């Protein structure tokens, strides 16, 4: 039972870290966009920030989909 609990805790930890990385990428992109818009910087930096936001959001949704599929397969 304890090995099952340890495996479950490891899975939850890995999922939480994956979510945090995706949210961090998205937050970095939002920070870039906000900084460039407030400073009146060139459009290229704004597009770079928006690309980062898109990648982070896509990563988050892919991780949610993967963890949902994993949970469905683990249910008895």
PDB file of N, CA and C in Angstrom:
ATOM      1  N   UNK A   1       0.815  -1.194   0.000  1.00  0.00           N
ATOM      2  CA  UNK A   1       0.000   0.000   0.000  1.00  0.00           C
ATOM      3  C   UNK A   1       0.858   1.256   0.000  1.00  0.00           C
ATOM      4  N   UNK A   2       1.971   1.225   0.739  1.00  0.00           N
ATOM      5  CA  UNK A   2       2.804   2.424   0.812  1.00  0.00           C
ATOM      6  C   UNK A   2       3.487   2.712  -0.521  1.00  0.00           C
ATOM      7  N   UNK A   3       3.828   1.670  -1.297  1.00  0.00           N
ATOM      8  CA  UNK A   3       4.443   1.913  -2.603  1.00  0.00           C
ATOM      9  C   UNK A   3       3.430   2.519  -3.563  1.00  0.00           C
ATOM     10  N   UNK A   4       2.158   2.112  -3.455  1.00  0.00           N
ATOM     11  CA  UNK A   4       1.112   2.705  -4.271  1.00  0.00           C
ATOM     12  C   UNK A   4       0.925   4.165  -3.900  1.00  0.00           C
ATOM     13  N   UNK A   5       0.974   4.455  -2.618  1.00  0.00           N
ATOM     14  CA  UNK A   5       0.830   5.831  -2.151  1.00  0.00           C
ATOM     15  C   UNK A   5       2.016   6.678  -2.617  1.00  0.00           C
ATOM     16  N   UNK A   6       3.225   6.120  -2.572  1.00  0.00           N
ATOM     17  CA  UNK A   6       4.411   6.847  -3.019  1.00  0.00           C
ATOM     18  C   UNK A   6       4.344   7.105  -4.522  1.00  0.00           C
ATOM     19  N   UNK A   7       3.875   6.100  -5.281  1.00  0.00           N
ATOM     20  CA  UNK A   7       3.721   6.281  -6.726  1.00  0.00           C
ATOM     21  C   UNK A   7       2.696   7.367  -7.015  1.00  0.00           C
ATOM     22  N   UNK A   8       1.608   7.366  -6.279  1.00  0.00           N
ATOM     23  CA  UNK A   8       0.574   8.380  -6.470  1.00  0.00           C
ATOM     24  C   UNK A   8       1.098   9.767  -6.135  1.00  0.00           C
ATOM     25  N   UNK A   9       1.865   9.885  -5.044  1.00  0.00           N
ATOM     26  CA  UNK A   9       2.438  11.172  -4.670  1.00  0.00           C
ATOM     27  C   UNK A   9       3.427  11.648  -5.719  1.00  0.00           C
ATOM     28  N   UNK A  10       4.206  10.734  -6.272  1.00  0.00           N
ATOM     29  CA  UNK A  10       5.163  11.094  -7.315  1.00  0.00           C
ATOM     30  C   UNK A  10       4.440  11.587  -8.568  1.00  0.00           C
ATOM     31  N   UNK A  11       3.356  10.926  -8.921  1.00  0.00           N
ATOM     32  CA  UNK A  11       2.578  11.329 -10.087  1.00  0.00           C
ATOM     33  C   UNK A  11       1.971  12.711  -9.880  1.00  0.00           C
ATOM     34  N   UNK A  12       1.435  12.950  -8.712  1.00  0.00           N
ATOM     35  CA  UNK A  12       0.840  14.252  -8.408  1.00  0.00           C
ATOM     36  C   UNK A  12       1.909  15.340  -8.438  1.00  0.00           C
ATOM     37  N   UNK A  13       3.072  15.048  -7.886  1.00  0.00           N
ATOM     38  CA  UNK A  13       4.161  16.019  -7.874  1.00  0.00           C
ATOM     39  C   UNK A  13       4.618  16.349  -9.290  1.00  0.00           C
ATOM     40  N   UNK A  14       4.789  15.327 -10.123  1.00  0.00           N
ATOM     41  CA  UNK A  14       5.193  15.560 -11.507  1.00  0.00           C
ATOM     42  C   UNK A  14       4.154  16.383 -12.257  1.00  0.00           C
ATOM     43  N   UNK A  15       2.892  16.106 -12.036  1.00  0.00           N
ATOM     44  CA  UNK A  15       1.823  16.865 -12.688  1.00  0.00           C
ATOM     45  C   UNK A  15       1.825  18.314 -12.222  1.00  0.00           C
ATOM     46  N   UNK A  16       1.993  18.527 -10.921  1.00  0.00           N
ATOM     47  CA  UNK A  16       2.016  19.895 -10.392  1.00  0.00           C
ATOM     48  C   UNK A  16       3.194  20.686 -10.947  1.00  0.00           C
ATOM     49  N   UNK A  17       4.346  20.054 -11.040  1.00  0.00           N
ATOM     50  CA  UNK A  17       5.525  20.732 -11.599  1.00  0.00           C
ATOM     51  C   UNK A  17       5.294  21.071 -13.070  1.00  0.00           C
ATOM     52  N   UNK A  18       4.695  20.161 -13.808  1.00  0.00           N
ATOM     53  CA  UNK A  18       4.406  20.422 -15.222  1.00  0.00           C
ATOM     54  C   UNK A  18       3.440  21.596 -15.372  1.00  0.00           C
ATOM     55  N   UNK A  19       2.414  21.646 -14.514  1.00  0.00           N
ATOM     56  CA  UNK A  19       1.483  22.779 -14.545  1.00  0.00           C
ATOM     57  C   UNK A  19       2.202  24.083 -14.237  1.00  0.00           C
ATOM     58  N   UNK A  20       3.055  24.067 -13.224  1.00  0.00           N
ATOM     59  CA  UNK A  20       3.770  25.283 -12.832  1.00  0.00           C
ATOM     60  C   UNK A  20       4.708  25.771 -13.928  1.00  0.00           C
ATOM     61  N   UNK A  21       5.358  24.855 -14.624  1.00  0.00           N
ATOM     62  CA  UNK A  21       6.228  25.263 -15.728  1.00  0.00           C
ATOM     63  C   UNK A  21       5.407  25.915 -16.829  1.00  0.00           C
ATOM     64  N   UNK A  22       4.269  25.329 -17.175  1.00  0.00           N
ATOM     65  CA  UNK A  22       3.413  25.902 -18.218  1.00  0.00           C
ATOM     66  C   UNK A  22       2.889  27.276 -17.816  1.00  0.00           C
ATOM     67  N   UNK A  23       2.472  27.404 -16.579  1.00  0.00           N
ATOM     68  CA  UNK A  23       1.973  28.699 -16.093  1.00  0.00           C
ATOM     69  C   UNK A  23       3.109  29.716 -16.057  1.00  0.00           C
ATOM     70  N   UNK A  24       4.310  29.283 -15.701  1.00  0.00           N
ATOM     71  CA  UNK A  24       5.466  30.182 -15.684  1.00  0.00           C
ATOM     72  C   UNK A  24       5.808  30.688 -17.071  1.00  0.00           C
ATOM     73  N   UNK A  25       5.749  29.809 -18.073  1.00  0.00           N
ATOM     74  CA  UNK A  25       6.006  30.237 -19.453  1.00  0.00           C
ATOM     75  C   UNK A  25       4.965  31.268 -19.880  1.00  0.00           C
ATOM     76  N   UNK A  26       3.703  31.001 -19.573  1.00  0.00           N
ATOM     77  CA  UNK A  26       2.633  31.931 -19.917  1.00  0.00           C
ATOM     78  C   UNK A  26       2.816  33.269 -19.208  1.00  0.00           C
ATOM     79  N   UNK A  27       3.147  33.232 -17.925  1.00  0.00           N
ATOM     80  CA  UNK A  27       3.343  34.468 -17.160  1.00  0.00           C
ATOM     81  C   UNK A  27       4.516  35.285 -17.704  1.00  0.00           C
ATOM     82  N   UNK A  28       5.568  34.606 -18.112  1.00  0.00           N
ATOM     83  CA  UNK A  28       6.714  35.300 -18.703  1.00  0.00           C
ATOM     84  C   UNK A  28       6.289  36.019 -19.981  1.00  0.00           C
ATOM     85  N   UNK A  29       5.495  35.350 -20.805  1.00  0.00           N
ATOM     86  CA  UNK A  29       5.001  35.980 -22.031  1.00  0.00           C
ATOM     87  C   UNK A  29       4.129  37.180 -21.749  1.00  0.00           C
ATOM     88  N   UNK A  30       3.262  37.073 -20.746  1.00  0.00           N
ATOM     89  CA  UNK A  30       2.405  38.213 -20.371  1.00  0.00           C
ATOM     90  C   UNK A  30       3.265  39.370 -19.879  1.00  0.00           C
ATOM     91  N   UNK A  31       4.307  39.056 -19.120  1.00  0.00           N
ATOM     92  CA  UNK A  31       5.211  40.085 -18.621  1.00  0.00           C
ATOM     93  C   UNK A  31       5.915  40.791 -19.787  1.00  0.00           C
ATOM     94  N   UNK A  32       6.353  40.036 -20.783  1.00  0.00           N
ATOM     95  CA  UNK A  32       7.006  40.629 -21.954  1.00  0.00           C
ATOM     96  C   UNK A  32       6.033  41.535 -22.702  1.00  0.00           C
ATOM     97  N   UNK A  33       4.819  41.053 -22.934  1.00  0.00           N
ATOM     98  CA  UNK A  33       3.823  41.853 -23.654  1.00  0.00           C
ATOM     99  C   UNK A  33       3.492  43.129 -22.884  1.00  0.00           C
ATOM    100  N   UNK A  34       3.254  43.001 -21.587  1.00  0.00           N
ATOM    101  CA  UNK A  34       2.914  44.187 -20.784  1.00  0.00           C
ATOM    102  C   UNK A  34       4.063  45.190 -20.774  1.00  0.00           C
ATOM    103  N   UNK A  35       5.283  44.689 -20.644  1.00  0.00           N
ATOM    104  CA  UNK A  35       6.437  45.588 -20.627  1.00  0.00           C
ATOM    105  C   UNK A  35       6.644  46.297 -21.944  1.00  0.00           C
ATOM    106  N   UNK A  36       6.470  45.577 -23.042  1.00  0.00           N
ATOM    107  CA  UNK A  36       6.680  46.209 -24.349  1.00  0.00           C
ATOM    108  C   UNK A  36       5.569  47.189 -24.693  1.00  0.00           C
ATOM    109  N   UNK A  37       4.355  46.868 -24.308  1.00  0.00           N
ATOM    110  CA  UNK A  37       3.253  47.796 -24.584  1.00  0.00           C
ATOM    111  C   UNK A  37       3.381  49.074 -23.757  1.00  0.00           C
ATOM    112  N   UNK A  38       3.776  48.940 -22.503  1.00  0.00           N
ATOM    113  CA  UNK A  38       3.892  50.139 -21.665  1.00  0.00           C
ATOM    114  C   UNK A  38       5.101  50.986 -22.049  1.00  0.00           C
ATOM    115  N   UNK A  39       6.146  50.366 -22.597  1.00  0.00           N
ATOM    116  CA  UNK A  39       7.348  51.114 -22.982  1.00  0.00           C
ATOM    117  C   UNK A  39       7.275  51.601 -24.434  1.00  0.00           C
ATOM    118  N   UNK A  40       6.278  51.172 -25.145  1.00  0.00           N
ATOM    119  CA  UNK A  40       6.156  51.570 -26.541  1.00  0.00           C
ATOM    120  C   UNK A  40       7.239  50.948 -27.410  1.00  0.00           C
ATOM    121  N   UNK A  41       7.639  49.757 -27.068  1.00  0.00           N
ATOM    122  CA  UNK A  41       8.697  49.069 -27.813  1.00  0.00           C
ATOM    123  C   UNK A  41       8.188  48.562 -29.158  1.00  0.00           C
ATOM    124  N   UNK A  42       9.095  48.099 -29.985  1.00  0.00           N
ATOM    125  CA  UNK A  42       8.714  47.632 -31.325  1.00  0.00           C
ATOM    126  C   UNK A  42       7.740  46.453 -31.292  1.00  0.00           C
ATOM    127  N   UNK A  43       7.073  46.299 -32.378  1.00  0.00           N
ATOM    128  CA  UNK A  43       6.069  45.247 -32.523  1.00  0.00           C
ATOM    129  C   UNK A  43       6.680  43.854 -32.408  1.00  0.00           C
ATOM    130  N   UNK A  44       7.924  43.699 -32.797  1.00  0.00           N
ATOM    131  CA  UNK A  44       8.569  42.380 -32.758  1.00  0.00           C
ATOM    132  C   UNK A  44       8.606  41.824 -31.333  1.00  0.00           C
ATOM    133  N   UNK A  45       8.887  42.666 -30.351  1.00  0.00           N
ATOM    134  CA  UNK A  45       8.919  42.191 -28.960  1.00  0.00           C
ATOM    135  C   UNK A  45       7.528  41.808 -28.482  1.00  0.00           C
ATOM    136  N   UNK A  46       6.531  42.559 -28.901  1.00  0.00           N
ATOM    137  CA  UNK A  46       5.158  42.222 -28.533  1.00  0.00           C
ATOM    138  C   UNK A  46       4.772  40.869 -29.134  1.00  0.00           C
ATOM    139  N   UNK A  47       5.139  40.654 -30.386  1.00  0.00           N
ATOM    140  CA  UNK A  47       4.842  39.367 -31.011  1.00  0.00           C
ATOM    141  C   UNK A  47       5.615  38.228 -30.347  1.00  0.00           C
ATOM    142  N   UNK A  48       6.832  38.492 -29.922  1.00  0.00           N
ATOM    143  CA  UNK A  48       7.609  37.474 -29.205  1.00  0.00           C
ATOM    144  C   UNK A  48       6.917  37.110 -27.892  1.00  0.00           C
ATOM    145  N   UNK A  49       6.395  38.107 -27.192  1.00  0.00           N
ATOM    146  CA  UNK A  49       5.669  37.845 -25.949  1.00  0.00           C
ATOM    147  C   UNK A  49       4.386  37.072 -26.191  1.00  0.00           C
ATOM    148  N   UNK A  50       3.672  37.431 -27.239  1.00  0.00           N
ATOM    149  CA  UNK A  50       2.432  36.722 -27.553  1.00  0.00           C
ATOM    150  C   UNK A  50       2.709  35.274 -27.966  1.00  0.00           C
ATOM    151  N   UNK A  51       3.819  35.055 -28.654  1.00  0.00           N
ATOM    152  CA  UNK A  51       4.210  33.692 -29.009  1.00  0.00           C
ATOM    153  C   UNK A  51       4.496  32.875 -27.750  1.00  0.00           C
ATOM    154  N   UNK A  52       5.167  33.487 -26.795  1.00  0.00           N
ATOM    155  CA  UNK A  52       5.453  32.810 -25.527  1.00  0.00           C
ATOM    156  C   UNK A  52       4.170  32.474 -24.789  1.00  0.00           C
ATOM    157  N   UNK A  53       3.219  33.398 -24.786  1.00  0.00           N
ATOM    158  CA  UNK A  53       1.922  33.140 -24.146  1.00  0.00           C
ATOM    159  C   UNK A  53       1.220  31.973 -24.838  1.00  0.00           C
ATOM    160  N   UNK A  54       1.248  31.953 -26.145  1.00  0.00           N
ATOM    161  CA  UNK A  54       0.591  30.870 -26.885  1.00  0.00           C
ATOM    162  C   UNK A  54       1.246  29.525 -26.585  1.00  0.00           C
ATOM    163  N   UNK A  55       2.575  29.482 -26.548  1.00  0.00           N
ATOM    164  CA  UNK A  55       3.278  28.231 -26.265  1.00  0.00           C
ATOM    165  C   UNK A  55       2.981  27.749 -24.848  1.00  0.00           C
ATOM    166  N   UNK A  56       2.996  28.658 -23.885  1.00  0.00           N
ATOM    167  CA  UNK A  56       2.699  28.287 -22.503  1.00  0.00           C
ATOM    168  C   UNK A  56       1.275  27.780 -22.333  1.00  0.00           C
ATOM    169  N   UNK A  57       0.340  28.437 -22.989  1.00  0.00           N
ATOM    170  CA  UNK A  57      -1.061  28.025 -22.904  1.00  0.00           C
ATOM    171  C   UNK A  57      -1.256  26.658 -23.567  1.00  0.00           C
ATOM    172  N   UNK A  58      -0.644  26.456 -24.718  1.00  0.00           N
ATOM    173  CA  UNK A  58      -0.729  25.163 -25.397  1.00  0.00           C
ATOM    174  C   UNK A  58      -0.122  24.065 -24.524  1.00  0.00           C
ATOM    175  N   UNK A  59       1.007  24.361 -23.915  1.00  0.00           N
ATOM    176  CA  UNK A  59       1.659  23.390 -23.030  1.00  0.00           C
ATOM    177  C   UNK A  59       0.773  23.032 -21.846  1.00  0.00           C
ATOM    178  N   UNK A  60       0.117  24.023 -21.270  1.00  0.00           N
ATOM    179  CA  UNK A  60      -0.777  23.779 -20.139  1.00  0.00           C
ATOM    180  C   UNK A  60      -1.946  22.894 -20.545  1.00  0.00           C
ATOM    181  N   UNK A  61      -2.567  23.193 -21.672  1.00  0.00           N
ATOM    182  CA  UNK A  61      -3.701  22.389 -22.112  1.00  0.00           C
ATOM    183  C   UNK A  61      -3.284  20.960 -22.462  1.00  0.00           C
ATOM    184  N   UNK A  62      -2.114  20.799 -23.059  1.00  0.00           N
ATOM    185  CA  UNK A  62      -1.627  19.453 -23.359  1.00  0.00           C
ATOM    186  C   UNK A  62      -1.372  18.670 -22.070  1.00  0.00           C
ATOM    187  N   UNK A  63      -0.839  19.329 -21.050  1.00  0.00           N
ATOM    188  CA  UNK A  63      -0.593  18.645 -19.784  1.00  0.00           C
ATOM    189  C   UNK A  63      -1.905  18.269 -19.101  1.00  0.00           C
ATOM    190  N   UNK A  64      -2.889  19.148 -19.172  1.00  0.00           N
ATOM    191  CA  UNK A  64      -4.206  18.838 -18.594  1.00  0.00           C
ATOM    192  C   UNK A  64      -4.816  17.636 -19.313  1.00  0.00           C
ATOM    193  N   UNK A  65      -4.710  17.620 -20.645  1.00  0.00           N
ATOM    194  CA  UNK A  65      -5.258  16.500 -21.418  1.00  0.00           C
ATOM    195  C   UNK A  65      -4.537  15.197 -21.059  1.00  0.00           C
ATOM    196  N   UNK A  66      -3.228  15.252 -20.940  1.00  0.00           N
ATOM    197  CA  UNK A  66      -2.459  14.046 -20.619  1.00  0.00           C
ATOM    198  C   UNK A  66      -2.787  13.535 -19.217  1.00  0.00           C
ATOM    199  N   UNK A  67      -2.915  14.429 -18.259  1.00  0.00           N
ATOM    200  CA  UNK A  67      -3.221  13.977 -16.898  1.00  0.00           C
ATOM    201  C   UNK A  67      -4.653  13.463 -16.797  1.00  0.00           C
ATOM    202  N   UNK A  68      -5.571  14.022 -17.571  1.00  0.00           N
ATOM    203  CA  UNK A  68      -6.941  13.532 -17.584  1.00  0.00           C
ATOM    204  C   UNK A  68      -6.993  12.123 -18.160  1.00  0.00           C
ATOM    205  N   UNK A  69      -6.249  11.885 -19.236  1.00  0.00           N
ATOM    206  CA  UNK A  69      -6.211  10.554 -19.832  1.00  0.00           C
ATOM    207  C   UNK A  69      -5.561   9.563 -18.883  1.00  0.00           C
ATOM    208  N   UNK A  70      -4.528   9.980 -18.160  1.00  0.00           N
ATOM    209  CA  UNK A  70      -3.862   9.097 -17.204  1.00  0.00           C
ATOM    210  C   UNK A  70      -4.823   8.731 -16.084  1.00  0.00           C
ATOM    211  N   UNK A  71      -5.581   9.695 -15.594  1.00  0.00           N
ATOM    212  CA  UNK A  71      -6.542   9.410 -14.524  1.00  0.00           C
ATOM    213  C   UNK A  71      -7.640   8.466 -14.992  1.00  0.00           C
ATOM    214  N   UNK A  72      -8.063   8.606 -16.223  1.00  0.00           N
ATOM    215  CA  UNK A  72      -9.104   7.727 -16.744  1.00  0.00           C
ATOM    216  C   UNK A  72      -8.607   6.283 -16.852  1.00  0.00           C
ATOM    217  N   UNK A  73      -7.340   6.109 -17.194  1.00  0.00           N
ATOM    218  CA  UNK A  73      -6.781   4.755 -17.315  1.00  0.00           C
ATOM    219  C   UNK A  73      -6.480   4.131 -15.963  1.00  0.00           C
ATOM    220  N   UNK A  74      -6.272   4.934 -14.932  1.00  0.00           N
ATOM    221  CA  UNK A  74      -5.949   4.404 -13.613  1.00  0.00           C
ATOM    222  C   UNK A  74      -7.191   4.035 -12.805  1.00  0.00           C
ATOM    223  N   UNK A  75      -8.355   4.562 -13.187  1.00  0.00           N
ATOM    224  CA  UNK A  75      -9.576   4.231 -12.448  1.00  0.00           C
ATOM    225  C   UNK A  75      -9.905   2.760 -12.613  1.00  0.00           C
ATOM    226  N   UNK A  76     -10.286   2.090 -11.501  1.00  0.00           N
ATOM    227  CA  UNK A  76     -10.629   0.655 -11.584  1.00  0.00           C
ATOM    228  C   UNK A  76     -11.947   0.425 -12.264  1.00  0.00           C
TER     229      UNK A  76
END
